[in-house]
Amino acid sequence: MKTLQFKTNINCGNCVRAVTGFLNDVPTITEWSVDTDNPDKILTVKGNEVTVEAVVEAVEDAGFDVKEVVAG
């Protein structure tokens, strides 16, 4: 399973609820969560075939900013 992480501006429970439908509609995502306590509001997404582009599109469609965190 692939794990991707993103910096977002999803900063509260209402924001998480707002993005839930969009992320749940991406069929390749099996699990996701947002660490709203982290200063970068890290979105962690897991899935076998999940792509950066699919996650970015879903989060932006929900009206939030998103940028991939590149490990390294």
PDB file of N, CA and C in Angstrom:
ATOM      1  N   MET A   1       0.838  -1.176   0.000  1.00  0.00           N
ATOM      2  CA  MET A   1       0.000   0.000   0.000  1.00  0.00           C
ATOM      3  C   MET A   1       0.886   1.243   0.000  1.00  0.00           C
ATOM      4  N   LYS A   2       0.520   2.210  -0.810  1.00  0.00           N
ATOM      5  CA  LYS A   2       1.268   3.457  -0.928  1.00  0.00           C
ATOM      6  C   LYS A   2       0.712   4.480   0.057  1.00  0.00           C
ATOM      7  N   THR A   3       1.608   5.261   0.675  1.00  0.00           N
ATOM      8  CA  THR A   3       1.204   6.338   1.575  1.00  0.00           C
ATOM      9  C   THR A   3       1.744   7.653   1.036  1.00  0.00           C
ATOM     10  N   LEU A   4       0.856   8.634   0.918  1.00  0.00           N
ATOM     11  CA  LEU A   4       1.232   9.967   0.462  1.00  0.00           C
ATOM     12  C   LEU A   4       0.898  10.967   1.550  1.00  0.00           C
ATOM     13  N   GLN A   5       1.684  12.054   1.645  1.00  0.00           N
ATOM     14  CA  GLN A   5       1.395  13.099   2.621  1.00  0.00           C
ATOM     15  C   GLN A   5       1.394  14.455   1.933  1.00  0.00           C
ATOM     16  N   PHE A   6       0.526  15.338   2.449  1.00  0.00           N
ATOM     17  CA  PHE A   6       0.322  16.653   1.853  1.00  0.00           C
ATOM     18  C   PHE A   6       0.182  17.711   2.934  1.00  0.00           C
ATOM     19  N   LYS A   7       0.729  18.904   2.676  1.00  0.00           N
ATOM     20  CA  LYS A   7       0.440  20.072   3.500  1.00  0.00           C
ATOM     21  C   LYS A   7      -0.888  20.630   3.012  1.00  0.00           C
ATOM     22  N   THR A   8      -1.751  21.016   3.955  1.00  0.00           N
ATOM     23  CA  THR A   8      -3.058  21.563   3.571  1.00  0.00           C
ATOM     24  C   THR A   8      -3.395  22.755   4.460  1.00  0.00           C
ATOM     25  N   ASN A   9      -4.553  23.352   4.189  1.00  0.00           N
ATOM     26  CA  ASN A   9      -5.123  24.352   5.095  1.00  0.00           C
ATOM     27  C   ASN A   9      -6.435  23.820   5.681  1.00  0.00           C
ATOM     28  N   ILE A  10      -6.540  22.503   5.800  1.00  0.00           N
ATOM     29  CA  ILE A  10      -7.687  21.843   6.436  1.00  0.00           C
ATOM     30  C   ILE A  10      -7.411  21.883   7.939  1.00  0.00           C
ATOM     31  N   ASN A  11      -8.013  22.862   8.644  1.00  0.00           N
ATOM     32  CA  ASN A  11      -7.542  23.116  10.002  1.00  0.00           C
ATOM     33  C   ASN A  11      -8.544  22.867  11.126  1.00  0.00           C
ATOM     34  N   CYS A  12      -9.715  22.299  10.820  1.00  0.00           N
ATOM     35  CA  CYS A  12     -10.672  22.062  11.901  1.00  0.00           C
ATOM     36  C   CYS A  12     -11.629  20.937  11.500  1.00  0.00           C
ATOM     37  N   GLY A  13     -12.449  20.544  12.431  1.00  0.00           N
ATOM     38  CA  GLY A  13     -13.407  19.472  12.175  1.00  0.00           C
ATOM     39  C   GLY A  13     -14.373  19.788  11.046  1.00  0.00           C
ATOM     40  N   ASN A  14     -14.813  21.043  10.959  1.00  0.00           N
ATOM     41  CA  ASN A  14     -15.714  21.419   9.871  1.00  0.00           C
ATOM     42  C   ASN A  14     -15.020  21.305   8.522  1.00  0.00           C
ATOM     43  N   CYS A  15     -13.755  21.664   8.475  1.00  0.00           N
ATOM     44  CA  CYS A  15     -12.984  21.545   7.231  1.00  0.00           C
ATOM     45  C   CYS A  15     -12.834  20.069   6.837  1.00  0.00           C
ATOM     46  N   VAL A  16     -12.564  19.227   7.825  1.00  0.00           N
ATOM     47  CA  VAL A  16     -12.447  17.785   7.566  1.00  0.00           C
ATOM     48  C   VAL A  16     -13.765  17.262   7.001  1.00  0.00           C
ATOM     49  N   ARG A  17     -14.869  17.676   7.596  1.00  0.00           N
ATOM     50  CA  ARG A  17     -16.182  17.244   7.082  1.00  0.00           C
ATOM     51  C   ARG A  17     -16.400  17.730   5.650  1.00  0.00           C
ATOM     52  N   ALA A  18     -15.947  18.944   5.359  1.00  0.00           N
ATOM     53  CA  ALA A  18     -16.138  19.512   4.025  1.00  0.00           C
ATOM     54  C   ALA A  18     -15.384  18.733   2.949  1.00  0.00           C
ATOM     55  N   VAL A  19     -14.223  18.201   3.301  1.00  0.00           N
ATOM     56  CA  VAL A  19     -13.401  17.493   2.313  1.00  0.00           C
ATOM     57  C   VAL A  19     -13.718  15.992   2.268  1.00  0.00           C
ATOM     58  N   THR A  20     -14.422  15.485   3.267  1.00  0.00           N
ATOM     59  CA  THR A  20     -14.673  14.044   3.383  1.00  0.00           C
ATOM     60  C   THR A  20     -15.293  13.444   2.127  1.00  0.00           C
ATOM     61  N   GLY A  21     -16.351  14.031   1.631  1.00  0.00           N
ATOM     62  CA  GLY A  21     -17.023  13.481   0.455  1.00  0.00           C
ATOM     63  C   GLY A  21     -16.128  13.429  -0.766  1.00  0.00           C
ATOM     64  N   PHE A  22     -15.311  14.466  -0.929  1.00  0.00           N
ATOM     65  CA  PHE A  22     -14.417  14.527  -2.086  1.00  0.00           C
ATOM     66  C   PHE A  22     -13.350  13.434  -2.017  1.00  0.00           C
ATOM     67  N   LEU A  23     -12.744  13.255  -0.839  1.00  0.00           N
ATOM     68  CA  LEU A  23     -11.719  12.216  -0.708  1.00  0.00           C
ATOM     69  C   LEU A  23     -12.330  10.819  -0.756  1.00  0.00           C
ATOM     70  N   ASN A  24     -13.503  10.665  -0.169  1.00  0.00           N
ATOM     71  CA  ASN A  24     -14.158   9.352  -0.198  1.00  0.00           C
ATOM     72  C   ASN A  24     -14.596   8.955  -1.602  1.00  0.00           C
ATOM     73  N   ASP A  25     -14.754   9.929  -2.499  1.00  0.00           N
ATOM     74  CA  ASP A  25     -15.142   9.644  -3.882  1.00  0.00           C
ATOM     75  C   ASP A  25     -13.976   9.170  -4.746  1.00  0.00           C
ATOM     76  N   VAL A  26     -12.747   9.265  -4.237  1.00  0.00           N
ATOM     77  CA  VAL A  26     -11.582   8.786  -4.994  1.00  0.00           C
ATOM     78  C   VAL A  26     -11.454   7.289  -4.731  1.00  0.00           C
ATOM     79  N   PRO A  27     -11.735   6.461  -5.743  1.00  0.00           N
ATOM     80  CA  PRO A  27     -11.809   5.013  -5.506  1.00  0.00           C
ATOM     81  C   PRO A  27     -10.494   4.365  -5.092  1.00  0.00           C
ATOM     82  N   THR A  28      -9.355   4.996  -5.392  1.00  0.00           N
ATOM     83  CA  THR A  28      -8.064   4.387  -5.060  1.00  0.00           C
ATOM     84  C   THR A  28      -7.622   4.692  -3.628  1.00  0.00           C
ATOM     85  N   ILE A  29      -8.339   5.590  -2.944  1.00  0.00           N
ATOM     86  CA  ILE A  29      -8.004   5.897  -1.549  1.00  0.00           C
ATOM     87  C   ILE A  29      -8.714   4.909  -0.645  1.00  0.00           C
ATOM     88  N   THR A  30      -7.944   4.194   0.177  1.00  0.00           N
ATOM     89  CA  THR A  30      -8.540   3.245   1.111  1.00  0.00           C
ATOM     90  C   THR A  30      -8.635   3.811   2.523  1.00  0.00           C
ATOM     91  N   GLU A  31      -7.796   4.805   2.821  1.00  0.00           N
ATOM     92  CA  GLU A  31      -7.763   5.381   4.167  1.00  0.00           C
ATOM     93  C   GLU A  31      -7.142   6.767   4.084  1.00  0.00           C
ATOM     94  N   TRP A  32      -7.651   7.708   4.879  1.00  0.00           N
ATOM     95  CA  TRP A  32      -7.052   9.040   4.926  1.00  0.00           C
ATOM     96  C   TRP A  32      -7.340   9.689   6.269  1.00  0.00           C
ATOM     97  N   SER A  33      -6.479  10.637   6.637  1.00  0.00           N
ATOM     98  CA  SER A  33      -6.684  11.387   7.875  1.00  0.00           C
ATOM     99  C   SER A  33      -5.946  12.712   7.765  1.00  0.00           C
ATOM    100  N   VAL A  34      -6.402  13.691   8.562  1.00  0.00           N
ATOM    101  CA  VAL A  34      -5.751  14.996   8.619  1.00  0.00           C
ATOM    102  C   VAL A  34      -5.313  15.239  10.053  1.00  0.00           C
ATOM    103  N   ASP A  35      -4.040  15.575  10.224  1.00  0.00           N
ATOM    104  CA  ASP A  35      -3.518  15.923  11.540  1.00  0.00           C
ATOM    105  C   ASP A  35      -3.689  17.426  11.723  1.00  0.00           C
ATOM    106  N   THR A  36      -4.840  17.844  12.272  1.00  0.00           N
ATOM    107  CA  THR A  36      -5.111  19.268  12.429  1.00  0.00           C
ATOM    108  C   THR A  36      -4.280  19.896  13.547  1.00  0.00           C
ATOM    109  N   ASP A  37      -3.633  19.076  14.377  1.00  0.00           N
ATOM    110  CA  ASP A  37      -2.746  19.604  15.418  1.00  0.00           C
ATOM    111  C   ASP A  37      -1.367  19.965  14.873  1.00  0.00           C
ATOM    112  N   ASN A  38      -1.003  19.397  13.729  1.00  0.00           N
ATOM    113  CA  ASN A  38       0.277  19.696  13.099  1.00  0.00           C
ATOM    114  C   ASN A  38       0.208  21.090  12.469  1.00  0.00           C
ATOM    115  N   PRO A  39       1.233  21.919  12.625  1.00  0.00           N
ATOM    116  CA  PRO A  39       1.198  23.265  12.024  1.00  0.00           C
ATOM    117  C   PRO A  39       0.987  23.248  10.508  1.00  0.00           C
ATOM    118  N   ASP A  40       1.415  22.171   9.836  1.00  0.00           N
ATOM    119  CA  ASP A  40       1.248  22.059   8.380  1.00  0.00           C
ATOM    120  C   ASP A  40      -0.049  21.360   7.984  1.00  0.00           C
ATOM    121  N   LYS A  41      -0.887  20.998   8.979  1.00  0.00           N
ATOM    122  CA  LYS A  41      -2.185  20.347   8.719  1.00  0.00           C
ATOM    123  C   LYS A  41      -2.011  19.182   7.737  1.00  0.00           C
ATOM    124  N   ILE A  42      -1.211  18.210   8.129  1.00  0.00           N
ATOM    125  CA  ILE A  42      -0.792  17.128   7.240  1.00  0.00           C
ATOM    126  C   ILE A  42      -1.933  16.154   6.949  1.00  0.00           C
ATOM    127  N   LEU A  43      -2.205  15.998   5.666  1.00  0.00           N
ATOM    128  CA  LEU A  43      -3.156  15.010   5.165  1.00  0.00           C
ATOM    129  C   LEU A  43      -2.355  13.775   4.782  1.00  0.00           C
ATOM    130  N   THR A  44      -2.703  12.630   5.375  1.00  0.00           N
ATOM    131  CA  THR A  44      -2.067  11.358   5.034  1.00  0.00           C
ATOM    132  C   THR A  44      -3.092  10.514   4.303  1.00  0.00           C
ATOM    133  N   VAL A  45      -2.704  10.017   3.137  1.00  0.00           N
ATOM    134  CA  VAL A  45      -3.600   9.239   2.289  1.00  0.00           C
ATOM    135  C   VAL A  45      -2.944   7.902   2.002  1.00  0.00           C
ATOM    136  N   LYS A  46      -3.731   6.827   2.113  1.00  0.00           N
ATOM    137  CA  LYS A  46      -3.220   5.484   1.805  1.00  0.00           C
ATOM    138  C   LYS A  46      -4.100   4.826   0.757  1.00  0.00           C
ATOM    139  N   GLY A  47      -3.444   4.048  -0.111  1.00  0.00           N
ATOM    140  CA  GLY A  47      -4.159   3.312  -1.146  1.00  0.00           C
ATOM    141  C   GLY A  47      -3.179   2.598  -2.043  1.00  0.00           C
ATOM    142  N   ASN A  48      -3.650   1.562  -2.713  1.00  0.00           N
ATOM    143  CA  ASN A  48      -2.760   0.779  -3.565  1.00  0.00           C
ATOM    144  C   ASN A  48      -2.384   1.503  -4.845  1.00  0.00           C
ATOM    145  N   GLU A  49      -3.322   2.176  -5.457  1.00  0.00           N
ATOM    146  CA  GLU A  49      -3.079   2.825  -6.753  1.00  0.00           C
ATOM    147  C   GLU A  49      -3.274   4.335  -6.664  1.00  0.00           C
ATOM    148  N   VAL A  50      -3.276   4.885  -5.462  1.00  0.00           N
ATOM    149  CA  VAL A  50      -3.564   6.308  -5.285  1.00  0.00           C
ATOM    150  C   VAL A  50      -2.471   7.165  -5.918  1.00  0.00           C
ATOM    151  N   THR A  51      -2.890   8.272  -6.554  1.00  0.00           N
ATOM    152  CA  THR A  51      -1.940   9.172  -7.206  1.00  0.00           C
ATOM    153  C   THR A  51      -2.001  10.552  -6.559  1.00  0.00           C
ATOM    154  N   VAL A  52      -0.890  11.261  -6.645  1.00  0.00           N
ATOM    155  CA  VAL A  52      -0.823  12.625  -6.145  1.00  0.00           C
ATOM    156  C   VAL A  52      -1.884  13.477  -6.832  1.00  0.00           C
ATOM    157  N   GLU A  53      -2.006  13.310  -8.130  1.00  0.00           N
ATOM    158  CA  GLU A  53      -2.939  14.120  -8.909  1.00  0.00           C
ATOM    159  C   GLU A  53      -4.386  13.929  -8.448  1.00  0.00           C
ATOM    160  N   ALA A  54      -4.770  12.697  -8.153  1.00  0.00           N
ATOM    161  CA  ALA A  54      -6.142  12.428  -7.712  1.00  0.00           C
ATOM    162  C   ALA A  54      -6.437  13.088  -6.373  1.00  0.00           C
ATOM    163  N   VAL A  55      -5.471  13.037  -5.464  1.00  0.00           N
ATOM    164  CA  VAL A  55      -5.654  13.648  -4.141  1.00  0.00           C
ATOM    165  C   VAL A  55      -5.716  15.172  -4.268  1.00  0.00           C
ATOM    166  N   VAL A  56      -4.792  15.750  -5.021  1.00  0.00           N
ATOM    167  CA  VAL A  56      -4.766  17.202  -5.211  1.00  0.00           C
ATOM    168  C   VAL A  56      -6.085  17.666  -5.817  1.00  0.00           C
ATOM    169  N   GLU A  57      -6.567  16.981  -6.824  1.00  0.00           N
ATOM    170  CA  GLU A  57      -7.819  17.363  -7.466  1.00  0.00           C
ATOM    171  C   GLU A  57      -8.984  17.312  -6.477  1.00  0.00           C
ATOM    172  N   ALA A  58      -9.067  16.259  -5.673  1.00  0.00           N
ATOM    173  CA  ALA A  58     -10.160  16.117  -4.719  1.00  0.00           C
ATOM    174  C   ALA A  58     -10.129  17.226  -3.675  1.00  0.00           C
ATOM    175  N   VAL A  59      -8.948  17.508  -3.124  1.00  0.00           N
ATOM    176  CA  VAL A  59      -8.830  18.525  -2.080  1.00  0.00           C
ATOM    177  C   VAL A  59      -9.102  19.917  -2.649  1.00  0.00           C
ATOM    178  N   GLU A  60      -8.571  20.206  -3.835  1.00  0.00           N
ATOM    179  CA  GLU A  60      -8.818  21.509  -4.460  1.00  0.00           C
ATOM    180  C   GLU A  60     -10.283  21.669  -4.837  1.00  0.00           C
ATOM    181  N   ASP A  61     -10.925  20.603  -5.292  1.00  0.00           N
ATOM    182  CA  ASP A  61     -12.358  20.661  -5.613  1.00  0.00           C
ATOM    183  C   ASP A  61     -13.183  20.980  -4.372  1.00  0.00           C
ATOM    184  N   ALA A  62     -12.686  20.568  -3.205  1.00  0.00           N
ATOM    185  CA  ALA A  62     -13.373  20.857  -1.946  1.00  0.00           C
ATOM    186  C   ALA A  62     -13.106  22.288  -1.475  1.00  0.00           C
ATOM    187  N   GLY A  63     -12.180  22.983  -2.144  1.00  0.00           N
ATOM    188  CA  GLY A  63     -11.921  24.378  -1.833  1.00  0.00           C
ATOM    189  C   GLY A  63     -10.739  24.621  -0.912  1.00  0.00           C
ATOM    190  N   PHE A  64      -9.846  23.643  -0.806  1.00  0.00           N
ATOM    191  CA  PHE A  64      -8.699  23.773   0.089  1.00  0.00           C
ATOM    192  C   PHE A  64      -7.388  23.772  -0.685  1.00  0.00           C
ATOM    193  N   ASP A  65      -6.352  24.320  -0.050  1.00  0.00           N
ATOM    194  CA  ASP A  65      -5.002  24.305  -0.613  1.00  0.00           C
ATOM    195  C   ASP A  65      -4.344  22.983  -0.245  1.00  0.00           C
ATOM    196  N   VAL A  66      -3.517  22.465  -1.151  1.00  0.00           N
ATOM    197  CA  VAL A  66      -2.851  21.189  -0.914  1.00  0.00           C
ATOM    198  C   VAL A  66      -1.539  21.159  -1.673  1.00  0.00           C
ATOM    199  N   LYS A  67      -0.507  20.656  -1.014  1.00  0.00           N
ATOM    200  CA  LYS A  67       0.810  20.527  -1.644  1.00  0.00           C
ATOM    201  C   LYS A  67       1.460  19.253  -1.136  1.00  0.00           C
ATOM    202  N   GLU A  68       1.956  18.440  -2.043  1.00  0.00           N
ATOM    203  CA  GLU A  68       2.584  17.186  -1.666  1.00  0.00           C
ATOM    204  C   GLU A  68       3.829  17.435  -0.815  1.00  0.00           C
ATOM    205  N   VAL A  69       3.976  16.635   0.225  1.00  0.00           N
ATOM    206  CA  VAL A  69       5.185  16.627   1.039  1.00  0.00           C
ATOM    207  C   VAL A  69       6.092  15.543   0.467  1.00  0.00           C
ATOM    208  N   VAL A  70       7.242  15.939  -0.031  1.00  0.00           N
ATOM    209  CA  VAL A  70       8.161  14.992  -0.648  1.00  0.00           C
ATOM    210  C   VAL A  70       9.161  14.530   0.414  1.00  0.00           C
ATOM    211  N   ALA A  71       9.203  13.240   0.628  1.00  0.00           N
ATOM    212  CA  ALA A  71      10.125  12.679   1.616  1.00  0.00           C
ATOM    213  C   ALA A  71      11.553  12.849   1.116  1.00  0.00           C
ATOM    214  N   GLY A  72      12.457  13.060   2.044  1.00  0.00           N
ATOM    215  CA  GLY A  72      13.821  13.152   1.606  1.00  0.00           C
ATOM    216  C   GLY A  72      14.609  14.007   2.510  1.00  0.00           C
TER     217      GLY A  72
END
